[in-house]
Amino acid sequence: MGIRDGRVERARRQIAADDARVRGEIAASRRASGLSEGTLGRPCGLSPSAVSRILNGSTRTVDPRVMACLGATVGLDVRMRAYPAGDPIRDAGQQRLLERLRKMVHPILLWRTEVGLPVEGDFRAWDAVIAGPGWRIAVEAETVLADIQAVERRLELKRRDGGVDHLILLVADTPRNRRARAAASALFAGLTGATRDVLRALRSGRDPGTSATLFL
């Protein structure tokens, strides 16, 4: 199982645990307040049997708005919030972009995809890592440079924690991406390597010795 697949399974376990906890808290508050299941469900348009099935977990999928309504009836706020938990799953376009670079790398060099960061419990991963004797270069692929400042922040944090010598930001060569990069010329200050020099080194199996933005 890959890192990103593992993160999906972890997310499923977490949401199941959160769901069970919220149901339990609503049930406990109902008992503590002396409300019947009929009284609890009435403001939410639910029958006593429907409330019972929700709170005992036999109704596996419940609209969050229903849970929020039940919670409010017993004086609880049921909220949802998203937290950063790693990198997004890569789409087919990003995989093709990575493959274009892989074909330019000399076979003597090690090419690995989805390489986890060396931090316990961290679900972030480099899209790829190119390695030679005594050096490692991380590769991050972007098919669309939408929020370029967010990309820079994410890459800087991963460079800090990622255990690599250099970084290649691999970008699909489209007019839109070229314009986005030109408009944010002050960003990615550390990615200064020349495309021609970096690719020449990788084709010959050598360490480019620098970080770079590559448009392919």
Protein backbone atom coordinates (compact mmCIF):
# COMPACT_ATOMS: atom_id res chain seq x y z
CA MET A 1 0.00 0.00 0.00
CA GLY A 2 1.37 3.43 -0.97
CA ILE A 3 1.64 6.39 1.37
CA ARG A 4 -1.33 8.15 -0.14
CA ASP A 5 -3.45 4.97 -0.12
CA GLY A 6 -2.50 4.54 3.53
CA ARG A 7 -3.60 8.08 4.25
CA VAL A 8 -7.02 7.40 2.71
CA GLU A 9 -7.48 4.34 4.91
CA ARG A 10 -6.39 6.35 7.94
CA ALA A 11 -8.92 9.06 7.05
CA ARG A 12 -11.68 6.45 6.85
CA ARG A 13 -10.80 5.11 10.27
CA GLN A 14 -10.66 8.61 11.74
CA ILE A 15 -14.04 9.69 10.38
CA ALA A 16 -15.60 6.44 11.62
CA ALA A 17 -14.17 7.11 15.09
CA ASP A 18 -15.34 10.74 15.01
CA ASP A 19 -18.82 9.65 13.90
CA ALA A 20 -19.08 7.10 16.71
CA ARG A 21 -17.89 9.65 19.26
CA VAL A 22 -20.45 12.27 18.19
CA ARG A 23 -23.30 9.75 18.27
CA GLY A 24 -22.22 8.67 21.73
CA GLU A 25 -22.04 12.24 22.99
CA ILE A 26 -25.53 13.05 21.66
CA ALA A 27 -26.92 9.86 23.23
CA ALA A 28 -25.29 10.65 26.57
CA SER A 29 -26.62 14.22 26.52
CA ARG A 30 -30.11 12.94 25.69
CA ARG A 31 -30.07 10.62 28.69
CA ALA A 32 -28.61 13.30 30.97
CA SER A 33 -31.30 15.79 29.94
CA GLY A 34 -34.12 13.26 30.34
CA LEU A 35 -35.34 13.69 26.77
CA SER A 36 -37.10 10.84 25.02
CA GLU A 37 -35.95 9.81 21.54
CA GLY A 38 -39.24 11.15 20.22
CA THR A 39 -38.65 14.56 21.77
CA LEU A 40 -35.08 14.58 20.48
CA GLY A 41 -36.08 13.75 16.94
CA ARG A 42 -39.15 15.95 16.62
CA PRO A 43 -37.34 19.25 15.74
CA CYS A 44 -35.30 17.34 13.16
CA GLY A 45 -38.26 15.60 11.52
CA LEU A 46 -37.20 12.16 12.78
CA SER A 47 -39.23 9.38 14.34
CA PRO A 48 -38.15 7.83 17.66
CA SER A 49 -37.05 4.66 15.82
CA ALA A 50 -34.96 6.70 13.37
CA VAL A 51 -33.26 8.49 16.27
CA SER A 52 -32.58 5.16 17.96
CA ARG A 53 -30.98 3.74 14.81
CA ILE A 54 -28.79 6.82 14.39
CA LEU A 55 -27.58 6.89 17.98
CA ASN A 56 -26.87 3.17 18.24
CA GLY A 57 -24.95 3.21 14.97
CA SER A 58 -27.19 0.88 12.97
CA THR A 59 -27.80 3.72 10.48
CA ARG A 60 -24.29 3.92 9.11
CA THR A 61 -24.57 7.01 6.90
CA VAL A 62 -26.18 10.11 8.36
CA ASP A 63 -26.42 13.55 6.80
CA PRO A 64 -24.16 15.88 8.86
CA ARG A 65 -27.03 18.36 9.00
CA VAL A 66 -29.15 15.76 10.80
CA MET A 67 -26.36 15.14 13.31
CA ALA A 68 -26.05 18.88 13.82
CA CYS A 69 -29.79 19.17 14.43
CA LEU A 70 -29.78 16.34 16.97
CA GLY A 71 -26.78 17.86 18.68
CA ALA A 72 -28.41 21.27 18.89
CA THR A 73 -31.50 19.74 20.47
CA VAL A 74 -29.42 18.51 23.42
CA GLY A 75 -27.24 21.64 23.57
CA LEU A 76 -24.25 20.42 21.53
CA ASP A 77 -22.60 22.10 18.56
CA VAL A 78 -21.69 19.48 15.94
CA ARG A 79 -19.07 21.02 13.66
CA MET A 80 -16.98 19.91 10.70
CA ARG A 81 -13.50 21.16 9.86
CA ALA A 82 -10.73 20.10 7.50
CA TYR A 83 -7.07 19.94 8.59
CA PRO A 84 -3.90 19.62 6.51
CA ALA A 85 -2.92 15.94 6.54
CA GLY A 86 -0.44 15.45 3.73
CA ASP A 87 -0.31 15.88 -0.02
CA PRO A 88 -3.20 15.43 -2.45
CA ILE A 89 -3.50 12.25 -4.47
CA ARG A 90 -1.87 12.76 -7.85
CA ASP A 91 -3.98 12.58 -10.99
CA ALA A 92 -3.20 10.92 -14.32
CA GLY A 93 -1.83 14.15 -15.78
CA GLN A 94 0.76 14.44 -13.03
CA GLN A 95 1.73 10.81 -13.50
CA ARG A 96 2.31 11.42 -17.21
CA LEU A 97 4.37 14.50 -16.39
CA LEU A 98 6.55 12.49 -14.03
CA GLU A 99 6.99 9.80 -16.67
CA ARG A 100 8.26 12.37 -19.17
CA LEU A 101 11.02 13.31 -16.76
CA ARG A 102 11.76 9.70 -15.82
CA LYS A 103 12.53 8.90 -19.47
CA MET A 104 15.18 11.64 -19.45
CA VAL A 105 16.98 10.25 -16.40
CA HIS A 106 19.93 7.93 -16.97
CA PRO A 107 19.14 4.32 -15.93
CA ILE A 108 22.14 4.31 -13.59
CA LEU A 109 20.26 6.69 -11.30
CA LEU A 110 17.62 5.45 -8.87
CA TRP A 111 14.08 6.69 -9.57
CA ARG A 112 11.44 6.14 -6.90
CA THR A 113 7.91 7.54 -6.69
CA GLU A 114 5.84 8.46 -3.65
CA VAL A 115 8.77 8.67 -1.25
CA GLY A 116 7.71 9.51 2.29
CA LEU A 117 9.35 12.24 4.31
CA PRO A 118 11.61 11.00 7.13
CA VAL A 119 9.29 12.23 9.87
CA GLU A 120 7.41 9.78 12.09
CA GLY A 121 3.67 9.93 11.43
CA ASP A 122 4.04 12.39 8.53
CA PHE A 123 1.85 11.51 5.55
CA ARG A 124 3.56 13.88 3.14
CA ALA A 125 5.54 12.33 0.31
CA TRP A 126 7.71 13.48 -2.56
CA ASP A 127 6.17 12.70 -5.93
CA ALA A 128 9.52 11.20 -6.92
CA VAL A 129 13.12 11.09 -5.77
CA ILE A 130 16.16 10.77 -8.06
CA ALA A 131 19.23 9.43 -6.30
CA GLY A 132 22.87 8.88 -7.14
CA PRO A 133 25.97 8.16 -5.07
CA GLY A 134 25.69 10.45 -2.04
CA TRP A 135 22.92 12.72 -3.33
CA ARG A 136 19.12 12.85 -3.62
CA ILE A 137 16.88 15.19 -5.59
CA ALA A 138 13.16 15.43 -4.82
CA VAL A 139 10.67 15.98 -7.64
CA GLU A 140 7.28 17.64 -7.24
CA ALA A 141 4.94 17.65 -10.26
CA GLU A 142 2.35 20.35 -10.95
CA THR A 143 0.09 20.20 -14.00
CA VAL A 144 -1.60 23.52 -13.15
CA LEU A 145 -0.02 26.38 -11.20
CA ALA A 146 -3.21 27.73 -9.65
CA ASP A 147 -2.27 29.08 -6.19
CA ILE A 148 1.45 29.51 -6.78
CA GLN A 149 2.09 31.00 -3.34
CA ALA A 150 0.52 27.94 -1.71
CA VAL A 151 2.77 25.72 -3.83
CA GLU A 152 5.84 27.64 -2.70
CA ARG A 153 4.84 27.38 0.98
CA ARG A 154 4.23 23.66 0.66
CA LEU A 155 7.56 23.07 -1.06
CA GLU A 156 9.53 25.10 1.47
CA LEU A 157 8.07 23.09 4.35
CA LYS A 158 8.82 19.82 2.58
CA ARG A 159 12.38 20.93 1.78
CA ARG A 160 12.86 21.72 5.46
CA ASP A 161 11.72 18.24 6.53
CA GLY A 162 12.36 16.17 3.44
CA GLY A 163 15.92 14.90 3.75
CA VAL A 164 16.99 15.73 0.19
CA ASP A 165 19.85 17.76 -1.29
CA HIS A 166 17.95 19.53 -4.05
CA LEU A 167 14.45 19.98 -5.43
CA ILE A 168 12.98 19.95 -8.92
CA LEU A 169 9.61 21.61 -9.39
CA LEU A 170 8.30 19.87 -12.50
CA VAL A 171 5.63 21.90 -14.28
CA ALA A 172 3.54 21.06 -17.34
CA ASP A 173 4.71 23.35 -20.14
CA THR A 174 1.53 25.28 -20.94
CA PRO A 175 1.02 28.99 -21.69
CA ARG A 176 -1.08 29.34 -18.54
CA ASN A 177 1.66 27.90 -16.33
CA ARG A 178 4.33 30.01 -18.01
CA ARG A 179 2.29 33.15 -17.36
CA ALA A 180 1.66 32.17 -13.74
CA ARG A 181 5.36 31.56 -13.16
CA ALA A 182 6.36 34.82 -14.83
CA ALA A 183 3.84 36.76 -12.75
CA ALA A 184 5.39 35.35 -9.57
CA SER A 185 9.04 35.72 -10.54
CA ALA A 186 10.03 36.60 -6.98
CA LEU A 187 8.86 33.22 -5.69
CA PHE A 188 10.86 29.98 -5.76
CA ALA A 189 14.05 31.97 -5.30
CA GLY A 190 16.02 28.82 -4.54
CA LEU A 191 15.04 27.03 -7.77
CA THR A 192 17.70 28.75 -9.86
CA GLY A 193 19.18 25.94 -11.94
CA ALA A 194 19.05 26.19 -15.72
CA THR A 195 16.74 23.64 -17.35
CA ARG A 196 19.29 22.68 -20.00
CA ASP A 197 22.06 22.09 -17.46
CA VAL A 198 19.88 20.08 -15.08
CA LEU A 199 18.55 17.82 -17.82
CA ARG A 200 22.01 17.33 -19.30
CA ALA A 201 23.31 16.19 -15.91
CA LEU A 202 20.41 13.81 -15.31
CA ARG A 203 20.73 12.32 -18.80
CA SER A 204 24.38 11.61 -18.14
CA GLY A 205 23.76 10.19 -14.66
CA ARG A 206 25.33 13.09 -12.78
CA ASP A 207 24.21 15.23 -9.86
CA PRO A 208 22.93 18.57 -11.22
CA GLY A 209 24.13 20.14 -7.98
CA THR A 210 21.25 22.61 -7.86
CA SER A 211 17.48 22.99 -7.53
CA ALA A 212 15.40 24.08 -10.48
CA THR A 213 11.98 24.61 -12.04
CA LEU A 214 11.58 22.43 -15.14
CA PHE A 215 8.84 22.94 -17.72
CA LEU A 216 8.15 19.75 -19.66
